[in-house]
């Protein structure tokens, strides 16, 4: 019933780590390794990704924003997050023109 945390991924260094550790422990406890070790590790990796994610209203520099887009586009499936939510949407120029009342 005891965990020792010796290190965390660099992306999580500035984040509150206790909620992540608690959620990982709950996930492992709830699954009882029913998904197998690989499935459990993947579930934990997804949790770490979510806890390390950029949050709404978090200020970013231009360099940080460009790096995030480059990393996203390098992903196997850049269009959704691990939970299946969209990471990007497309709006045709015609819709933007209409919304800004720029259509002829």
Protein backbone atom coordinates (compact mmCIF):
# COMPACT_ATOMS: atom_id res chain seq x y z
CA UNK A 1 0.00 0.00 0.00
CA UNK A 2 3.00 2.30 -0.35
CA UNK A 3 4.51 3.99 -3.38
CA UNK A 4 7.88 5.64 -3.72
CA UNK A 5 8.23 8.17 -6.52
CA UNK A 6 11.88 8.49 -7.56
CA UNK A 7 11.43 10.51 -10.75
CA UNK A 8 8.82 12.06 -13.01
CA UNK A 9 8.94 12.83 -16.73
CA UNK A 10 10.40 16.27 -17.42
CA UNK A 11 7.13 17.49 -18.94
CA UNK A 12 5.49 17.01 -15.52
CA UNK A 13 8.13 18.71 -13.38
CA UNK A 14 6.19 21.99 -13.08
CA UNK A 15 2.82 20.25 -12.61
CA UNK A 16 1.18 19.07 -9.38
CA UNK A 17 2.26 15.43 -9.30
CA UNK A 18 0.14 14.12 -6.40
CA UNK A 19 -3.18 14.12 -8.35
CA UNK A 20 -1.51 12.22 -11.20
CA UNK A 21 0.00 9.61 -8.88
CA UNK A 22 -3.36 9.15 -7.13
CA UNK A 23 -5.13 8.71 -10.48
CA UNK A 24 -2.55 6.21 -11.70
CA UNK A 25 -2.87 4.21 -8.46
CA UNK A 26 -6.67 4.23 -8.78
CA UNK A 27 -6.46 3.14 -12.43
CA UNK A 28 -4.11 0.25 -11.64
CA UNK A 29 -6.19 -0.75 -8.62
CA UNK A 30 -9.48 -0.60 -10.56
CA UNK A 31 -8.20 -2.55 -13.56
CA UNK A 32 -6.40 -5.16 -11.50
CA UNK A 33 -4.16 -5.57 -14.56
CA UNK A 34 -7.14 -6.98 -16.53
CA UNK A 35 -5.75 -5.15 -19.57
CA UNK A 36 -2.42 -6.87 -19.11
CA UNK A 37 0.77 -5.03 -18.26
CA UNK A 38 0.97 -3.35 -21.69
CA UNK A 39 -2.61 -2.08 -21.43
CA UNK A 40 -2.01 -0.81 -17.90
CA UNK A 41 1.18 0.97 -18.95
CA UNK A 42 -0.67 2.55 -21.89
CA UNK A 43 -3.48 3.73 -19.58
CA UNK A 44 -0.88 5.30 -17.28
CA UNK A 45 0.87 6.96 -20.23
CA UNK A 46 -2.47 8.45 -21.32
CA UNK A 47 -3.01 9.81 -17.80
CA UNK A 48 0.48 11.35 -17.78
CA UNK A 49 -0.17 12.94 -21.18
CA UNK A 50 -3.40 14.49 -19.91
CA UNK A 51 -1.82 15.80 -16.73
CA UNK A 52 1.09 17.24 -18.72
CA UNK A 53 -1.16 18.91 -21.28
CA UNK A 54 -1.38 22.63 -21.88
CA UNK A 55 -4.46 23.99 -20.13
CA UNK A 56 -6.92 26.66 -21.20
CA UNK A 57 -5.63 30.21 -20.68
CA UNK A 58 -2.07 28.96 -20.10
CA UNK A 59 0.21 31.56 -21.72
CA UNK A 60 2.65 30.21 -24.31
CA UNK A 61 5.39 31.83 -26.33
CA UNK A 62 5.38 31.71 -30.14
CA UNK A 63 8.20 29.18 -29.96
CA UNK A 64 6.23 26.93 -27.60
CA UNK A 65 3.14 27.12 -29.81
CA UNK A 66 5.12 26.22 -32.94
CA UNK A 67 6.79 23.31 -31.14
CA UNK A 68 3.40 21.96 -30.03
CA UNK A 69 2.05 22.09 -33.59
CA UNK A 70 5.17 20.33 -34.92
CA UNK A 71 4.86 17.62 -32.27
CA UNK A 72 1.15 17.21 -32.96
CA UNK A 73 1.67 16.84 -36.69
CA UNK A 74 4.38 14.22 -36.06
CA UNK A 75 1.89 12.01 -34.17
CA UNK A 76 0.47 8.84 -35.65
CA UNK A 77 -3.05 10.23 -35.22
CA UNK A 78 -2.84 14.01 -34.81
CA UNK A 79 -6.58 14.64 -35.19
CA UNK A 80 -7.69 13.35 -31.77
CA UNK A 81 -6.43 13.23 -28.20
CA UNK A 82 -6.05 9.86 -26.41
CA UNK A 83 -9.69 10.16 -25.29
CA UNK A 84 -10.90 10.61 -28.86
CA UNK A 85 -11.63 14.34 -28.64
CA UNK A 86 -10.68 16.39 -31.68
CA UNK A 87 -7.41 18.30 -31.51
CA UNK A 88 -8.14 20.37 -34.60
CA UNK A 89 -11.03 21.29 -36.83
CA UNK A 90 -11.22 22.81 -40.29
CA UNK A 91 -13.43 25.66 -41.38
CA UNK A 92 -13.68 26.36 -45.08
CA UNK A 93 -12.72 29.88 -46.15
CA UNK A 94 -16.25 30.37 -47.43
CA UNK A 95 -17.66 29.88 -43.91
CA UNK A 96 -15.17 32.36 -42.42
CA UNK A 97 -15.98 34.87 -45.16
CA UNK A 98 -19.68 34.47 -44.45
CA UNK A 99 -19.19 34.86 -40.67
CA UNK A 100 -17.13 38.02 -41.19
CA UNK A 101 -19.63 39.27 -43.75
CA UNK A 102 -17.04 39.25 -46.52
CA UNK A 103 -18.98 37.28 -49.09
CA UNK A 104 -19.98 38.82 -52.38
